[in-house]
Amino acid sequence: MTDDNLILRKEIIGARRFSNYWWASVVSIGGIGFLLAGISSYFHVNLLIVTNPSEIQFIPQGIALSFYGVAGTLLATYLWLTIILNLGGGYNEFNKEKGTITIFRWGFLGKNRRIELNCKIDDVQAVRAEISEGLNPKRSLYLRVQKMRDIPLTRVGEPLPLSELENQGAQLARFLEVPLEGL
């Protein structure tokens, strides 16, 4: 919030989370390892320090290792691209001074890279909290706007702690002077 309490801005973390860095690194190491093992078995040259894959027969083990190596390397490339492009990252800005709401997110490359949604504060009907527990828990906030579907406000992936969700929802509902639904 700014000093004059007219603008509320919340940054949204996209793909640049620790878990994504972790899995991209693990998949990169595994994919490159399998690929080098497959290449080593084809050329009968040891390209890995830890083991000696040049003694593996290329057909059928080397082909399988190469296939898994290519698949792992492609998956790792995709994961690193999502991190570099910061998919899903952006901000929610509520500006009472201008009477506008701006929801901004980064998307995939192309003409729709910048995803920006604008609406008027007067069109907001409520802030809705959705909570579902179980095997795949979901805790998120939505903005209910006239003549539009509900707009998600929270990040995708790790669910927010319940206390943080309640605090964010209550703060936003107070700021916009609308009811908080779902709690």
N, C-alpha and C. Protein backbone atom coordinates (compact mmCIF):
# COMPACT_ATOMS: atom_id res chain seq x y z
N MET A 1 0.84 -1.18 0.00
CA MET A 1 0.00 0.00 0.00
C MET A 1 0.88 1.24 0.00
N THR A 2 0.43 2.28 -0.69
CA THR A 2 1.18 3.52 -0.69
C THR A 2 0.83 4.32 0.55
N ASP A 3 1.53 5.44 0.75
CA ASP A 3 1.34 6.25 1.94
C ASP A 3 -0.07 6.82 2.03
N ASP A 4 -0.63 7.21 0.89
CA ASP A 4 -1.95 7.83 0.93
C ASP A 4 -3.07 6.79 0.85
N ASN A 5 -2.74 5.50 0.87
CA ASN A 5 -3.69 4.40 0.88
C ASN A 5 -4.65 4.41 -0.30
N LEU A 6 -4.20 4.86 -1.45
CA LEU A 6 -5.04 4.88 -2.64
C LEU A 6 -4.67 3.77 -3.63
N ILE A 7 -3.50 3.17 -3.46
CA ILE A 7 -3.05 2.12 -4.38
C ILE A 7 -2.61 0.90 -3.56
N LEU A 8 -3.16 -0.25 -3.92
CA LEU A 8 -2.76 -1.53 -3.32
C LEU A 8 -2.18 -2.37 -4.44
N ARG A 9 -0.92 -2.77 -4.30
CA ARG A 9 -0.25 -3.55 -5.34
C ARG A 9 0.35 -4.79 -4.71
N LYS A 10 0.07 -5.94 -5.31
CA LYS A 10 0.56 -7.23 -4.82
C LYS A 10 1.32 -7.91 -5.94
N GLU A 11 2.61 -8.20 -5.71
CA GLU A 11 3.43 -8.92 -6.70
C GLU A 11 3.09 -10.40 -6.63
N ILE A 12 3.04 -11.05 -7.78
CA ILE A 12 2.73 -12.48 -7.86
C ILE A 12 3.98 -13.21 -8.36
N ILE A 13 4.41 -14.20 -7.59
CA ILE A 13 5.56 -15.01 -7.99
C ILE A 13 5.09 -16.01 -9.03
N GLY A 14 5.79 -16.06 -10.13
CA GLY A 14 5.41 -16.99 -11.20
C GLY A 14 6.23 -18.26 -11.12
N ALA A 15 6.94 -18.56 -12.19
CA ALA A 15 7.70 -19.80 -12.27
C ALA A 15 9.03 -19.73 -11.53
N ARG A 16 9.41 -18.58 -11.04
CA ARG A 16 10.71 -18.44 -10.37
C ARG A 16 10.60 -18.77 -8.88
N ARG A 17 10.24 -20.02 -8.63
CA ARG A 17 10.16 -20.53 -7.26
C ARG A 17 11.28 -21.53 -7.05
N PHE A 18 11.65 -21.76 -5.80
CA PHE A 18 12.73 -22.68 -5.47
C PHE A 18 12.45 -24.07 -6.02
N SER A 19 11.21 -24.53 -5.90
CA SER A 19 10.89 -25.89 -6.35
C SER A 19 11.12 -26.04 -7.86
N ASN A 20 10.82 -25.01 -8.63
CA ASN A 20 11.05 -25.10 -10.08
C ASN A 20 12.54 -25.12 -10.40
N TYR A 21 13.34 -24.31 -9.70
CA TYR A 21 14.79 -24.35 -9.88
C TYR A 21 15.33 -25.74 -9.53
N TRP A 22 14.84 -26.30 -8.44
CA TRP A 22 15.28 -27.62 -7.99
C TRP A 22 15.00 -28.67 -9.05
N TRP A 23 13.74 -28.76 -9.52
CA TRP A 23 13.38 -29.80 -10.48
C TRP A 23 14.04 -29.58 -11.83
N ALA A 24 14.21 -28.34 -12.25
CA ALA A 24 14.91 -28.09 -13.52
C ALA A 24 16.36 -28.56 -13.42
N SER A 25 17.00 -28.34 -12.28
CA SER A 25 18.38 -28.78 -12.10
C SER A 25 18.48 -30.30 -12.08
N VAL A 26 17.60 -30.96 -11.33
CA VAL A 26 17.63 -32.42 -11.23
C VAL A 26 17.37 -33.06 -12.60
N VAL A 27 16.37 -32.56 -13.32
CA VAL A 27 16.05 -33.13 -14.64
C VAL A 27 17.19 -32.85 -15.62
N SER A 28 17.83 -31.69 -15.52
CA SER A 28 18.97 -31.39 -16.40
C SER A 28 20.12 -32.36 -16.18
N ILE A 29 20.47 -32.57 -14.93
CA ILE A 29 21.57 -33.49 -14.62
C ILE A 29 21.24 -34.91 -15.09
N GLY A 30 20.02 -35.36 -14.81
CA GLY A 30 19.62 -36.71 -15.23
C GLY A 30 19.56 -36.85 -16.74
N GLY A 31 18.96 -35.89 -17.42
CA GLY A 31 18.84 -35.96 -18.88
C GLY A 31 20.19 -35.93 -19.57
N ILE A 32 21.06 -35.05 -19.13
CA ILE A 32 22.40 -34.98 -19.73
C ILE A 32 23.20 -36.25 -19.43
N GLY A 33 23.04 -36.79 -18.21
CA GLY A 33 23.73 -38.03 -17.85
C GLY A 33 23.30 -39.19 -18.72
N PHE A 34 21.99 -39.36 -18.90
CA PHE A 34 21.49 -40.44 -19.76
C PHE A 34 21.95 -40.24 -21.20
N LEU A 35 21.90 -39.01 -21.69
CA LEU A 35 22.31 -38.74 -23.07
C LEU A 35 23.80 -39.05 -23.27
N LEU A 36 24.63 -38.63 -22.33
CA LEU A 36 26.07 -38.93 -22.44
C LEU A 36 26.34 -40.42 -22.35
N ALA A 37 25.56 -41.12 -21.53
CA ALA A 37 25.74 -42.58 -21.43
C ALA A 37 25.37 -43.25 -22.75
N GLY A 38 24.31 -42.81 -23.38
CA GLY A 38 23.91 -43.37 -24.67
C GLY A 38 24.93 -43.09 -25.76
N ILE A 39 25.45 -41.86 -25.78
CA ILE A 39 26.48 -41.50 -26.77
C ILE A 39 27.76 -42.28 -26.51
N SER A 40 28.11 -42.45 -25.24
CA SER A 40 29.31 -43.23 -24.89
C SER A 40 29.21 -44.66 -25.37
N SER A 41 28.02 -45.26 -25.25
CA SER A 41 27.86 -46.64 -25.70
C SER A 41 27.93 -46.75 -27.22
N TYR A 42 27.52 -45.72 -27.94
CA TYR A 42 27.57 -45.76 -29.40
C TYR A 42 29.01 -45.62 -29.91
N PHE A 43 29.75 -44.64 -29.36
CA PHE A 43 31.11 -44.37 -29.85
C PHE A 43 32.18 -45.18 -29.11
N HIS A 44 31.80 -45.92 -28.07
CA HIS A 44 32.73 -46.69 -27.24
C HIS A 44 33.83 -45.80 -26.66
N VAL A 45 33.42 -44.63 -26.20
CA VAL A 45 34.31 -43.66 -25.55
C VAL A 45 33.65 -43.28 -24.23
N ASN A 46 34.41 -43.20 -23.17
CA ASN A 46 33.86 -42.88 -21.86
C ASN A 46 33.70 -41.37 -21.71
N LEU A 47 32.46 -40.87 -21.75
CA LEU A 47 32.18 -39.44 -21.59
C LEU A 47 31.75 -39.09 -20.17
N LEU A 48 31.55 -40.09 -19.32
CA LEU A 48 31.15 -39.85 -17.94
C LEU A 48 32.29 -40.21 -17.00
N ILE A 49 32.44 -39.45 -15.93
CA ILE A 49 33.53 -39.65 -14.98
C ILE A 49 33.21 -40.79 -14.01
N VAL A 50 31.97 -40.89 -13.60
CA VAL A 50 31.58 -41.80 -12.53
C VAL A 50 31.58 -43.26 -12.97
N THR A 51 31.05 -43.54 -14.14
CA THR A 51 30.93 -44.93 -14.58
C THR A 51 31.62 -45.10 -15.94
N ASN A 52 31.55 -46.32 -16.47
CA ASN A 52 32.13 -46.59 -17.77
C ASN A 52 31.03 -47.11 -18.72
N PRO A 53 30.20 -46.20 -19.27
CA PRO A 53 29.10 -46.64 -20.13
C PRO A 53 29.57 -47.07 -21.52
N SER A 54 30.85 -46.93 -21.84
CA SER A 54 31.32 -47.35 -23.17
C SER A 54 31.27 -48.87 -23.32
N GLU A 55 31.16 -49.60 -22.21
CA GLU A 55 31.08 -51.05 -22.27
C GLU A 55 29.64 -51.54 -22.46
N ILE A 56 28.67 -50.64 -22.42
CA ILE A 56 27.26 -51.01 -22.62
C ILE A 56 27.02 -51.19 -24.11
N GLN A 57 26.26 -52.21 -24.47
CA GLN A 57 25.92 -52.42 -25.87
C GLN A 57 24.95 -51.33 -26.31
N PHE A 58 25.18 -50.81 -27.52
CA PHE A 58 24.32 -49.73 -28.01
C PHE A 58 22.90 -50.23 -28.28
N ILE A 59 22.78 -51.43 -28.80
CA ILE A 59 21.45 -51.99 -29.04
C ILE A 59 21.23 -53.07 -28.01
N PRO A 60 20.28 -53.03 -27.15
CA PRO A 60 19.17 -52.11 -26.98
C PRO A 60 19.39 -51.08 -25.87
N GLN A 61 20.38 -51.29 -24.96
CA GLN A 61 20.54 -50.42 -23.80
C GLN A 61 20.93 -49.00 -24.19
N GLY A 62 21.85 -48.85 -25.10
CA GLY A 62 22.32 -47.51 -25.49
C GLY A 62 21.22 -46.69 -26.14
N ILE A 63 20.39 -47.35 -26.94
CA ILE A 63 19.27 -46.63 -27.58
C ILE A 63 18.28 -46.16 -26.51
N ALA A 64 17.98 -47.01 -25.54
CA ALA A 64 17.06 -46.63 -24.46
C ALA A 64 17.64 -45.46 -23.66
N LEU A 65 18.93 -45.54 -23.32
CA LEU A 65 19.57 -44.45 -22.58
C LEU A 65 19.53 -43.15 -23.39
N SER A 66 19.78 -43.24 -24.68
CA SER A 66 19.74 -42.04 -25.54
C SER A 66 18.34 -41.46 -25.59
N PHE A 67 17.33 -42.31 -25.72
CA PHE A 67 15.94 -41.84 -25.76
C PHE A 67 15.58 -41.11 -24.47
N TYR A 68 15.89 -41.72 -23.32
CA TYR A 68 15.59 -41.07 -22.04
C TYR A 68 16.41 -39.79 -21.88
N GLY A 69 17.63 -39.77 -22.38
CA GLY A 69 18.46 -38.58 -22.31
C GLY A 69 17.89 -37.44 -23.12
N VAL A 70 17.42 -37.74 -24.34
CA VAL A 70 16.80 -36.70 -25.18
C VAL A 70 15.52 -36.20 -24.53
N ALA A 71 14.69 -37.12 -24.03
CA ALA A 71 13.43 -36.73 -23.38
C ALA A 71 13.71 -35.87 -22.14
N GLY A 72 14.67 -36.27 -21.32
CA GLY A 72 15.01 -35.50 -20.12
C GLY A 72 15.57 -34.13 -20.45
N THR A 73 16.41 -34.06 -21.49
CA THR A 73 17.00 -32.78 -21.89
C THR A 73 15.92 -31.84 -22.43
N LEU A 74 14.97 -32.38 -23.20
CA LEU A 74 13.88 -31.54 -23.70
C LEU A 74 12.99 -31.04 -22.57
N LEU A 75 12.70 -31.91 -21.60
CA LEU A 75 11.91 -31.49 -20.44
C LEU A 75 12.65 -30.43 -19.64
N ALA A 76 13.95 -30.61 -19.45
CA ALA A 76 14.75 -29.63 -18.71
C ALA A 76 14.76 -28.28 -19.45
N THR A 77 14.85 -28.32 -20.77
CA THR A 77 14.83 -27.08 -21.56
C THR A 77 13.50 -26.36 -21.35
N TYR A 78 12.41 -27.11 -21.38
CA TYR A 78 11.09 -26.51 -21.13
C TYR A 78 11.03 -25.88 -19.74
N LEU A 79 11.50 -26.60 -18.72
CA LEU A 79 11.47 -26.07 -17.35
C LEU A 79 12.31 -24.80 -17.23
N TRP A 80 13.51 -24.79 -17.83
CA TRP A 80 14.36 -23.60 -17.76
C TRP A 80 13.73 -22.43 -18.51
N LEU A 81 13.05 -22.70 -19.62
CA LEU A 81 12.38 -21.63 -20.36
C LEU A 81 11.23 -21.02 -19.55
N THR A 82 10.48 -21.85 -18.85
CA THR A 82 9.41 -21.30 -18.02
C THR A 82 9.97 -20.43 -16.90
N ILE A 83 11.13 -20.81 -16.38
CA ILE A 83 11.76 -19.99 -15.34
C ILE A 83 12.28 -18.69 -15.93
N ILE A 84 12.96 -18.76 -17.06
CA ILE A 84 13.51 -17.55 -17.70
C ILE A 84 12.41 -16.58 -18.09
N LEU A 85 11.31 -17.12 -18.65
CA LEU A 85 10.20 -16.27 -19.06
C LEU A 85 9.32 -15.84 -17.90
N ASN A 86 9.51 -16.44 -16.73
CA ASN A 86 8.75 -16.15 -15.52
C ASN A 86 7.25 -16.29 -15.77
N LEU A 87 6.85 -17.43 -16.33
CA LEU A 87 5.45 -17.65 -16.63
C LEU A 87 4.60 -17.54 -15.38
N GLY A 88 3.49 -16.84 -15.49
CA GLY A 88 2.57 -16.67 -14.37
C GLY A 88 2.94 -15.55 -13.43
N GLY A 89 4.11 -14.96 -13.57
CA GLY A 89 4.52 -13.86 -12.71
C GLY A 89 3.85 -12.57 -13.13
N GLY A 90 3.71 -11.66 -12.21
CA GLY A 90 3.09 -10.37 -12.54
C GLY A 90 2.67 -9.64 -11.28
N TYR A 91 1.54 -8.95 -11.38
CA TYR A 91 1.07 -8.19 -10.23
C TYR A 91 -0.44 -7.97 -10.33
N ASN A 92 -1.03 -7.64 -9.16
CA ASN A 92 -2.42 -7.19 -9.06
C ASN A 92 -2.35 -5.78 -8.52
N GLU A 93 -2.93 -4.83 -9.22
CA GLU A 93 -2.90 -3.43 -8.76
C GLU A 93 -4.32 -2.90 -8.67
N PHE A 94 -4.64 -2.38 -7.49
CA PHE A 94 -5.95 -1.80 -7.22
C PHE A 94 -5.72 -0.32 -6.94
N ASN A 95 -6.20 0.55 -7.84
CA ASN A 95 -5.91 1.98 -7.78
C ASN A 95 -7.21 2.74 -7.55
N LYS A 96 -7.42 3.22 -6.32
CA LYS A 96 -8.63 3.99 -6.00
C LYS A 96 -8.58 5.38 -6.61
N GLU A 97 -7.38 5.90 -6.80
CA GLU A 97 -7.22 7.23 -7.36
C GLU A 97 -7.79 7.30 -8.79
N LYS A 98 -7.46 6.28 -9.59
CA LYS A 98 -7.96 6.22 -10.97
C LYS A 98 -9.26 5.42 -11.07
N GLY A 99 -9.58 4.66 -10.03
CA GLY A 99 -10.78 3.83 -10.05
C GLY A 99 -10.63 2.60 -10.92
N THR A 100 -9.40 2.08 -11.04
CA THR A 100 -9.16 0.93 -11.91
C THR A 100 -8.49 -0.22 -11.18
N ILE A 101 -8.65 -1.40 -11.76
CA ILE A 101 -7.97 -2.61 -11.29
C ILE A 101 -7.20 -3.16 -12.47
N THR A 102 -5.92 -3.48 -12.25
CA THR A 102 -5.09 -4.06 -13.30
C THR A 102 -4.54 -5.39 -12.81
N ILE A 103 -4.84 -6.44 -13.55
CA ILE A 103 -4.30 -7.77 -13.27
C ILE A 103 -3.34 -8.08 -14.42
N PHE A 104 -2.06 -8.27 -14.12
CA PHE A 104 -1.04 -8.48 -15.15
C PHE A 104 -0.29 -9.77 -14.88
N ARG A 105 -0.11 -10.57 -15.94
CA ARG A 105 0.68 -11.81 -15.85
C ARG A 105 1.51 -11.97 -17.12
N TRP A 106 2.65 -12.66 -16.99
CA TRP A 106 3.48 -13.00 -18.13
C TRP A 106 3.05 -14.36 -18.65
N GLY A 107 2.99 -14.52 -19.98
CA GLY A 107 2.62 -15.77 -20.61
C GLY A 107 3.74 -16.28 -21.49
N PHE A 108 3.42 -17.24 -22.36
CA PHE A 108 4.39 -17.79 -23.30
C PHE A 108 4.72 -16.75 -24.37
N LEU A 109 5.81 -16.99 -25.08
CA LEU A 109 6.22 -16.10 -26.16
C LEU A 109 5.14 -16.02 -27.23
N GLY A 110 5.07 -14.88 -27.89
CA GLY A 110 4.09 -14.69 -28.95
C GLY A 110 3.32 -13.40 -28.73
N LYS A 111 2.24 -13.26 -29.48
CA LYS A 111 1.50 -12.01 -29.39
C LYS A 111 0.75 -11.88 -28.06
N ASN A 112 0.53 -12.97 -27.37
CA ASN A 112 -0.16 -12.92 -26.08
C ASN A 112 0.80 -13.08 -24.90
N ARG A 113 2.02 -12.62 -25.05
CA ARG A 113 3.03 -12.72 -23.99
C ARG A 113 2.59 -11.92 -22.76
N ARG A 114 2.08 -10.73 -23.01
CA ARG A 114 1.61 -9.88 -21.92
C ARG A 114 0.11 -10.09 -21.74
N ILE A 115 -0.28 -10.59 -20.59
CA ILE A 115 -1.69 -10.81 -20.29
C ILE A 115 -2.10 -9.75 -19.29
N GLU A 116 -2.92 -8.83 -19.74
CA GLU A 116 -3.32 -7.71 -18.89
C GLU A 116 -4.84 -7.58 -18.92
N LEU A 117 -5.42 -7.50 -17.73
CA LEU A 117 -6.87 -7.39 -17.60
C LEU A 117 -7.16 -6.13 -16.80
N ASN A 118 -8.00 -5.26 -17.34
CA ASN A 118 -8.35 -4.01 -16.67
C ASN A 118 -9.85 -3.96 -16.46
N CYS A 119 -10.26 -3.45 -15.32
CA CYS A 119 -11.68 -3.23 -15.05
C CYS A 119 -11.81 -2.09 -14.04
N LYS A 120 -13.03 -1.66 -13.83
CA LYS A 120 -13.29 -0.55 -12.89
C LYS A 120 -13.57 -1.10 -11.49
N ILE A 121 -13.17 -0.36 -10.51
CA ILE A 121 -13.41 -0.77 -9.12
C ILE A 121 -14.90 -0.83 -8.84
N ASP A 122 -15.68 0.05 -9.46
CA ASP A 122 -17.13 0.07 -9.24
C ASP A 122 -17.81 -1.20 -9.72
N ASP A 123 -17.20 -1.95 -10.64
CA ASP A 123 -17.79 -3.18 -11.17
C ASP A 123 -17.54 -4.39 -10.28
N VAL A 124 -16.72 -4.25 -9.25
CA VAL A 124 -16.39 -5.37 -8.36
C VAL A 124 -17.56 -5.63 -7.42
N GLN A 125 -17.99 -6.89 -7.40
CA GLN A 125 -19.11 -7.27 -6.53
C GLN A 125 -18.63 -7.84 -5.20
N ALA A 126 -17.54 -8.63 -5.23
CA ALA A 126 -17.05 -9.27 -4.01
C ALA A 126 -15.66 -9.85 -4.24
N VAL A 127 -15.02 -10.18 -3.13
CA VAL A 127 -13.79 -10.96 -3.13
C VAL A 127 -14.19 -12.34 -2.62
N ARG A 128 -13.85 -13.38 -3.40
CA ARG A 128 -14.28 -14.74 -3.04
C ARG A 128 -13.07 -15.59 -2.71
N ALA A 129 -13.13 -16.28 -1.60
CA ALA A 129 -12.09 -17.23 -1.21
C ALA A 129 -12.60 -18.63 -1.49
N GLU A 130 -11.76 -19.43 -2.16
CA GLU A 130 -12.12 -20.82 -2.45
C GLU A 130 -11.14 -21.72 -1.72
N ILE A 131 -11.70 -22.58 -0.87
CA ILE A 131 -10.89 -23.48 -0.06
C ILE A 131 -11.40 -24.89 -0.25
N SER A 132 -10.53 -25.79 -0.69
CA SER A 132 -10.89 -27.21 -0.76
C SER A 132 -9.67 -28.01 -0.28
N GLU A 133 -9.92 -28.88 0.66
CA GLU A 133 -8.86 -29.69 1.24
C GLU A 133 -8.90 -31.08 0.61
N GLY A 134 -7.94 -31.89 0.92
CA GLY A 134 -7.91 -33.26 0.42
C GLY A 134 -6.58 -33.57 -0.22
N LEU A 135 -6.61 -34.47 -1.20
CA LEU A 135 -5.39 -34.92 -1.86
C LEU A 135 -4.72 -33.79 -2.63
N ASN A 136 -5.52 -32.94 -3.26
CA ASN A 136 -5.00 -31.80 -4.02
C ASN A 136 -5.63 -30.53 -3.45
N PRO A 137 -5.09 -29.98 -2.35
CA PRO A 137 -5.72 -28.83 -1.71
C PRO A 137 -5.65 -27.58 -2.59
N LYS A 138 -6.70 -26.77 -2.50
CA LYS A 138 -6.75 -25.53 -3.28
C LYS A 138 -7.21 -24.41 -2.36
N ARG A 139 -6.39 -23.38 -2.28
CA ARG A 139 -6.72 -22.20 -1.49
C ARG A 139 -6.38 -20.99 -2.33
N SER A 140 -7.40 -20.30 -2.80
CA SER A 140 -7.13 -19.17 -3.67
C SER A 140 -8.20 -18.10 -3.52
N LEU A 141 -7.84 -16.89 -3.95
CA LEU A 141 -8.74 -15.74 -3.94
C LEU A 141 -9.16 -15.40 -5.36
N TYR A 142 -10.41 -15.01 -5.49
CA TYR A 142 -10.96 -14.60 -6.78
C TYR A 142 -11.64 -13.25 -6.62
N LEU A 143 -11.66 -12.49 -7.69
CA LEU A 143 -12.34 -11.21 -7.73
C LEU A 143 -13.61 -11.41 -8.55
N ARG A 144 -14.77 -11.18 -7.96
CA ARG A 144 -16.04 -11.32 -8.67
C ARG A 144 -16.39 -9.96 -9.26
N VAL A 145 -16.43 -9.90 -10.60
CA VAL A 145 -16.66 -8.66 -11.33
C VAL A 145 -17.91 -8.83 -12.18
N GLN A 146 -18.70 -7.76 -12.30
CA GLN A 146 -19.92 -7.80 -13.12
C GLN A 146 -19.56 -8.08 -14.57
N LYS A 147 -20.39 -8.90 -15.22
CA LYS A 147 -20.28 -9.22 -16.64
C LYS A 147 -18.95 -9.90 -17.02
N MET A 148 -18.26 -10.50 -16.05
CA MET A 148 -17.02 -11.22 -16.30
C MET A 148 -17.02 -12.47 -15.43
N ARG A 149 -16.16 -13.45 -15.79
CA ARG A 149 -15.99 -14.58 -14.90
C ARG A 149 -15.13 -14.15 -13.72
N ASP A 150 -15.08 -15.00 -12.71
CA ASP A 150 -14.25 -14.70 -11.55
C ASP A 150 -12.79 -14.66 -11.96
N ILE A 151 -12.06 -13.66 -11.48
CA ILE A 151 -10.67 -13.45 -11.86
C ILE A 151 -9.78 -13.98 -10.73
N PRO A 152 -8.89 -14.96 -11.00
CA PRO A 152 -8.00 -15.46 -9.95
C PRO A 152 -6.95 -14.41 -9.58
N LEU A 153 -6.69 -14.28 -8.29
CA LEU A 153 -5.74 -13.29 -7.80
C LEU A 153 -4.48 -13.89 -7.20
N THR A 154 -4.52 -15.16 -6.82
CA THR A 154 -3.37 -15.77 -6.15
C THR A 154 -2.56 -16.60 -7.14
N ARG A 155 -1.35 -16.95 -6.74
CA ARG A 155 -0.44 -17.70 -7.60
C ARG A 155 -0.93 -19.14 -7.76
N VAL A 156 -0.42 -19.78 -8.79
CA VAL A 156 -0.73 -21.18 -9.06
C VAL A 156 0.38 -22.03 -8.47
N GLY A 157 0.05 -23.20 -8.00
CA GLY A 157 1.07 -24.09 -7.47
C GLY A 157 0.85 -24.36 -6.01
N GLU A 158 1.78 -23.92 -5.18
CA GLU A 158 1.70 -24.16 -3.75
C GLU A 158 0.52 -23.39 -3.15
N PRO A 159 -0.38 -24.09 -2.43
CA PRO A 159 -1.51 -23.38 -1.83
C PRO A 159 -1.03 -22.48 -0.68
N LEU A 160 -1.69 -21.33 -0.55
CA LEU A 160 -1.36 -20.39 0.52
C LEU A 160 -1.78 -20.97 1.86
N PRO A 161 -1.07 -20.64 2.94
CA PRO A 161 -1.55 -21.02 4.27
C PRO A 161 -2.90 -20.34 4.53
N LEU A 162 -3.75 -21.00 5.27
CA LEU A 162 -5.11 -20.51 5.49
C LEU A 162 -5.12 -19.12 6.14
N SER A 163 -4.23 -18.89 7.10
CA SER A 163 -4.20 -17.58 7.77
C SER A 163 -3.80 -16.47 6.80
N GLU A 164 -2.85 -16.76 5.91
CA GLU A 164 -2.41 -15.76 4.93
C GLU A 164 -3.53 -15.48 3.92
N LEU A 165 -4.24 -16.53 3.50
CA LEU A 165 -5.36 -16.35 2.59
C LEU A 165 -6.45 -15.49 3.21
N GLU A 166 -6.77 -15.75 4.48
CA GLU A 166 -7.78 -14.95 5.18
C GLU A 166 -7.34 -13.49 5.30
N ASN A 167 -6.06 -13.27 5.66
CA ASN A 167 -5.57 -11.91 5.81
C ASN A 167 -5.59 -11.15 4.49
N GLN A 168 -5.12 -11.79 3.41
CA GLN A 168 -5.12 -11.12 2.10
C GLN A 168 -6.53 -10.83 1.63
N GLY A 169 -7.43 -11.79 1.80
CA GLY A 169 -8.81 -11.60 1.39
C GLY A 169 -9.49 -10.48 2.17
N ALA A 170 -9.29 -10.46 3.48
CA ALA A 170 -9.90 -9.42 4.32
C ALA A 170 -9.32 -8.04 4.00
N GLN A 171 -8.01 -7.96 3.79
CA GLN A 171 -7.38 -6.69 3.45
C GLN A 171 -7.91 -6.14 2.13
N LEU A 172 -8.03 -7.02 1.13
CA LEU A 172 -8.52 -6.60 -0.18
C LEU A 172 -9.99 -6.21 -0.12
N ALA A 173 -10.80 -6.97 0.60
CA ALA A 173 -12.23 -6.65 0.73
C ALA A 173 -12.42 -5.31 1.44
N ARG A 174 -11.62 -5.04 2.48
CA ARG A 174 -11.69 -3.73 3.16
C ARG A 174 -11.27 -2.61 2.23
N PHE A 175 -10.20 -2.84 1.48
CA PHE A 175 -9.69 -1.81 0.57
C PHE A 175 -10.72 -1.47 -0.50
N LEU A 176 -11.35 -2.51 -1.09
CA LEU A 176 -12.31 -2.29 -2.17
C LEU A 176 -13.72 -1.99 -1.64
N GLU A 177 -13.91 -2.17 -0.33
CA GLU A 177 -15.21 -1.93 0.31
C GLU A 177 -16.30 -2.83 -0.28
N VAL A 178 -15.97 -4.12 -0.39
CA VAL A 178 -16.92 -5.13 -0.86
C VAL A 178 -16.91 -6.29 0.10
N PRO A 179 -17.92 -7.16 0.05
CA PRO A 179 -17.95 -8.31 0.96
C PRO A 179 -16.92 -9.38 0.59
N LEU A 180 -16.54 -10.15 1.60
CA LEU A 180 -15.64 -11.29 1.42
C LEU A 180 -16.49 -12.54 1.51
N GLU A 181 -16.51 -13.34 0.43
CA GLU A 181 -17.33 -14.56 0.39
C GLU A 181 -16.47 -15.80 0.53
N GLY A 182 -17.05 -16.83 1.07
CA GLY A 182 -16.40 -18.14 1.10
C GLY A 182 -15.68 -18.47 2.38
N LEU A 183 -15.60 -17.58 3.35
CA LEU A 183 -14.93 -17.90 4.61
C LEU A 183 -15.94 -18.03 5.73
